[in-house]
C-alpha cells in the first residue's frame, strides 16, 4: 500500500476534530521552523511560538530576561520575517516558566518516643484500661526510642 492510498481503517485516517488538530499542529511546526532560526540558537532554546493571528506573532519565553531580549530585537525580527515572506505587524511576548519536575514527597520519618513520653502514654492508657483509647495509647507507647548506650552505664 503506497502512502497516497486511502486507508480503509477509520482509526488510521484523521477525520473531523483530529484532522483539524493535525492541520493546526503542522501549521505551528512550519511557523516555528520559520521564526525560531531567526532568533539565534541561544534565544530560540528559551522560546516557543504560540500563535500568529492578524499579523501579531505571539512568542512564549521561559523568563522575563528572554522576554526583554525579544522585545529589544523585535524590529529586527519583524524585518527578518518580512524578508522570508511572513509579514508581522507586532510581536507579543509572554513569560511562562518551564514546569518544574514533580517532587516526590518523602514520607515523614517515624520518630521514636523518648522513654519518658512512652511511660506517660502507658500511664494514661492504664487510666483508660478497657477502652479503645487505652489500646491505642498502648500501641503508641511501643514506639519508644532505644536507650542510648551512655544511658546504660
Protein backbone atom coordinates (compact mmCIF):
# COMPACT_ATOMS: atom_id res chain seq x y z
CA UNK A 1 0.00 0.00 0.00
CA UNK A 2 1.60 3.30 -1.01
CA UNK A 3 1.32 6.41 1.14
CA UNK A 4 -1.28 8.04 -1.15
CA UNK A 5 -3.72 5.15 -1.00
CA UNK A 6 -6.64 5.99 1.32
CA UNK A 7 -6.79 3.91 4.42
CA UNK A 8 -9.78 1.62 4.96
CA UNK A 9 -9.24 1.69 8.70
CA UNK A 10 -11.18 4.66 10.15
CA UNK A 11 -8.75 4.84 13.08
CA UNK A 12 -5.77 5.46 10.81
CA UNK A 13 -7.31 8.22 8.68
CA UNK A 14 -7.60 11.50 10.58
CA UNK A 15 -11.09 12.94 10.39
CA UNK A 16 -13.07 15.75 11.95
CA UNK A 17 -11.54 17.33 15.03
CA UNK A 18 -8.46 15.10 14.89
CA UNK A 19 -7.74 16.20 11.32
CA UNK A 20 -8.19 19.84 12.36
CA UNK A 21 -5.80 19.32 15.25
CA UNK A 22 -3.20 17.71 13.00
CA UNK A 23 -3.52 20.54 10.48
CA UNK A 24 -3.09 23.13 13.23
CA UNK A 25 -0.06 21.29 14.66
CA UNK A 26 1.58 21.20 11.23
CA UNK A 27 0.89 24.93 10.83
CA UNK A 28 2.66 25.63 14.14
CA UNK A 29 5.58 23.42 13.14
CA UNK A 30 6.01 25.34 9.88
CA UNK A 31 5.69 28.65 11.71
CA UNK A 32 8.26 27.59 14.32
CA UNK A 33 10.65 26.47 11.56
CA UNK A 34 10.37 29.95 10.05
CA UNK A 35 10.59 32.00 13.24
CA UNK A 36 13.00 30.22 15.60
CA UNK A 37 16.07 30.16 13.31
CA UNK A 38 15.82 33.96 13.05
CA UNK A 39 16.19 34.27 16.83
CA UNK A 40 19.54 32.52 17.08
CA UNK A 41 20.23 29.24 18.90
CA UNK A 42 20.50 30.68 22.40
CA UNK A 43 17.28 32.70 22.29
CA UNK A 44 15.38 30.04 20.33
CA UNK A 45 16.14 27.45 23.02
CA UNK A 46 14.12 29.58 25.50
CA UNK A 47 11.26 30.42 23.16
CA UNK A 48 8.11 28.78 21.71
CA UNK A 49 5.80 30.05 19.01
CA UNK A 50 2.28 30.39 20.44
CA UNK A 51 0.33 31.89 17.54
CA UNK A 52 0.23 34.16 14.53
CA UNK A 53 -3.12 35.85 14.09
CA UNK A 54 -3.89 39.15 12.37
CA UNK A 55 -0.17 39.66 11.80
CA UNK A 56 0.56 39.52 15.54
CA UNK A 57 3.20 36.93 16.40
CA UNK A 58 2.89 35.62 19.95
CA UNK A 59 6.02 34.09 21.46
CA UNK A 60 6.34 32.39 24.84
CA UNK A 61 9.64 32.55 26.70
CA UNK A 62 10.73 30.95 29.96
CA UNK A 63 11.93 34.06 31.83
CA UNK A 64 11.49 37.83 31.86
CA UNK A 65 15.09 38.29 30.75
CA UNK A 66 14.46 36.50 27.48
CA UNK A 67 11.23 38.47 27.01
CA UNK A 68 13.21 41.71 27.27
CA UNK A 69 15.70 40.47 24.74
CA UNK A 70 12.97 39.59 22.23
CA UNK A 71 11.29 42.97 22.75
CA UNK A 72 14.64 44.69 22.16
CA UNK A 73 15.26 42.67 18.99
CA UNK A 74 11.61 42.90 17.88
CA UNK A 75 12.04 45.37 14.99
CA UNK A 76 14.91 43.34 13.52
CA UNK A 77 12.94 40.08 13.92
CA UNK A 78 9.99 41.71 12.12
CA UNK A 79 12.23 42.80 9.24
CA UNK A 80 13.77 39.31 9.02
CA UNK A 81 10.31 37.70 8.99
CA UNK A 82 9.10 40.10 6.28
CA UNK A 83 12.14 39.14 4.20
CA UNK A 84 11.06 35.49 4.40
CA UNK A 85 7.52 36.38 3.25
CA UNK A 86 5.92 36.39 6.68
CA UNK A 87 4.70 39.92 7.38
CA UNK A 88 4.32 40.58 11.10
CA UNK A 89 3.00 43.92 12.41
CA UNK A 90 3.90 43.28 16.02
CA UNK A 91 5.42 40.72 18.33
CA UNK A 92 3.77 39.92 21.65
CA UNK A 93 5.92 38.17 24.24
CA UNK A 94 4.56 36.19 27.16
CA UNK A 95 6.51 34.66 30.02
CA UNK A 96 5.69 31.13 31.10
CA UNK A 97 8.34 29.48 33.28
CA UNK A 98 9.09 25.86 32.48
CA UNK A 99 7.27 23.37 34.64
CA UNK A 100 9.34 22.03 37.48
CA UNK A 101 9.55 18.26 37.67
CA UNK A 102 7.24 16.85 40.31
CA UNK A 103 8.92 16.43 43.65
CA UNK A 104 8.39 13.06 45.23
CA UNK A 105 7.12 13.58 48.71
CA UNK A 106 9.13 11.74 51.30
CA UNK A 107 7.08 10.08 53.96
CA UNK A 108 7.56 11.54 57.38
CA UNK A 109 10.17 9.51 59.22
CA UNK A 110 8.90 7.53 62.16
CA UNK A 111 10.19 9.35 65.17
CA UNK A 112 10.52 7.11 68.18
CA UNK A 113 9.28 8.32 71.53
CA UNK A 114 11.56 9.08 74.41
CA UNK A 115 11.39 6.71 77.34
CA UNK A 116 9.71 9.41 79.43
CA UNK A 117 6.98 10.02 76.80
CA UNK A 118 6.35 6.29 76.45
CA UNK A 119 5.90 5.94 80.24
CA UNK A 120 3.44 8.88 80.28
CA UNK A 121 1.41 7.29 77.49
CA UNK A 122 1.38 3.93 79.31
CA UNK A 123 0.15 5.63 82.50
CA UNK A 124 -2.60 7.38 80.55
CA UNK A 125 -3.51 4.08 78.82
CA UNK A 126 -3.83 2.40 82.24
CA UNK A 127 -6.38 5.05 83.26
CA UNK A 128 -8.47 4.02 80.21
CA UNK A 129 -7.87 0.30 80.67
CA UNK A 130 -10.74 -1.32 78.77
CA UNK A 131 -11.43 1.34 76.16
CA UNK A 132 -10.26 1.65 72.53
CA UNK A 133 -8.40 4.80 73.59
CA UNK A 134 -6.37 2.80 76.11
CA UNK A 135 -5.47 0.22 73.45
CA UNK A 136 -4.44 2.97 71.00
CA UNK A 137 -2.28 4.67 73.64
CA UNK A 138 -0.51 1.37 74.41
CA UNK A 139 0.25 0.84 70.70
CA UNK A 140 1.63 4.37 70.52
CA UNK A 141 3.77 3.84 73.63
CA UNK A 142 5.50 0.87 71.92
CA UNK A 143 7.25 3.33 69.56
CA UNK A 144 9.80 4.23 72.19
CA UNK A 145 13.36 5.04 71.32
CA UNK A 146 16.09 2.54 72.04
CA UNK A 147 18.07 3.69 75.07
CA UNK A 148 21.37 5.41 74.35
CA UNK A 149 24.44 3.36 75.18
CA UNK A 150 25.76 6.03 77.55
CA UNK A 151 22.46 5.84 79.47
CA UNK A 152 23.03 2.13 80.11
CA UNK A 153 26.29 2.68 82.03
